[in-house]
Protein backbone atom coordinates (compact mmCIF):
# COMPACT_ATOMS: atom_id res chain seq x y z
CA UNK A 1 -37.87 0.39 20.46
CA UNK A 2 -41.60 -0.30 23.06
CA UNK A 3 -40.28 -3.40 24.74
CA UNK A 4 -37.13 -1.18 25.47
CA UNK A 5 -38.79 0.70 28.19
CA UNK A 6 -40.78 -1.86 29.74
CA UNK A 7 -37.45 -3.84 30.30
CA UNK A 8 -36.63 -0.56 31.46
CA UNK A 9 -39.09 -0.76 34.42
CA UNK A 10 -38.03 -4.01 35.48
CA UNK A 11 -34.97 -2.89 35.79
CA UNK A 12 -36.71 0.37 38.07
CA UNK A 13 -38.30 -2.18 40.02
CA UNK A 14 -34.73 -3.96 41.13
CA UNK A 15 -33.05 -0.86 41.88
CA UNK A 16 -36.58 -1.01 44.24
CA UNK A 17 -35.19 -4.22 45.72
CA UNK A 18 -31.72 -3.03 45.88
CA UNK A 19 -32.44 0.38 47.92
CA UNK A 20 -35.16 -1.98 50.38
CA UNK A 21 -32.13 -4.65 50.96
CA UNK A 22 -29.18 -1.82 52.23
CA UNK A 23 -33.06 -0.32 54.23
CA UNK A 24 -32.47 -3.64 55.61
CA UNK A 25 -28.71 -3.97 56.49
CA UNK A 26 -28.59 -0.35 57.76
CA UNK A 27 -31.23 -1.06 60.16
CA UNK A 28 -31.04 -4.25 61.16
CA UNK A 29 -26.63 -4.21 61.17
CA UNK A 30 -27.39 -7.66 59.52
CA UNK A 31 -25.93 -7.43 55.41
CA UNK A 32 -27.07 -9.08 53.32
CA UNK A 33 -24.55 -10.34 50.48
CA UNK A 34 -22.71 -7.15 49.90
CA UNK A 35 -22.89 -3.79 52.85
CA UNK A 36 -25.70 -1.53 52.69
CA UNK A 37 -23.58 1.23 51.07
CA UNK A 38 -23.25 -1.62 48.04
CA UNK A 39 -26.04 -1.81 48.20
CA UNK A 40 -26.76 1.49 47.73
CA UNK A 41 -24.16 2.20 44.97
CA UNK A 42 -26.01 -0.81 42.92
CA UNK A 43 -29.38 0.38 43.10
CA UNK A 44 -28.06 4.10 41.69
CA UNK A 45 -26.84 2.36 39.63
CA UNK A 46 -29.51 1.12 38.09
CA UNK A 47 -32.14 3.56 37.90
CA UNK A 48 -28.98 5.68 35.85
CA UNK A 49 -28.98 2.40 33.57
CA UNK A 50 -33.40 2.38 33.67
CA UNK A 51 -32.83 6.25 33.23
CA UNK A 52 -30.78 5.72 29.96
CA UNK A 53 -33.20 2.92 28.13
CA UNK A 54 -35.75 4.64 28.62
CA UNK A 55 -34.34 7.31 27.06
CA UNK A 56 -32.81 5.33 24.20
CA UNK A 57 -36.69 3.59 23.43
CA UNK A 58 -38.42 6.91 23.18
CA UNK A 59 -35.82 9.25 21.38
CA UNK A 60 -35.85 9.30 17.34
């Protein structure tokens, strides 16, 4: 189950990358593949999924 916790950390980092892309699109006005609000929704979904994985890895 330790590998699940490590996977959750990777998903959290990817969600932070989505947040950076959302901020870039919002402040520059230039979207990368998706609109800023869509990057934000992806980032939120990934944080929720990372939290779920982390809880599943620590629960018995």
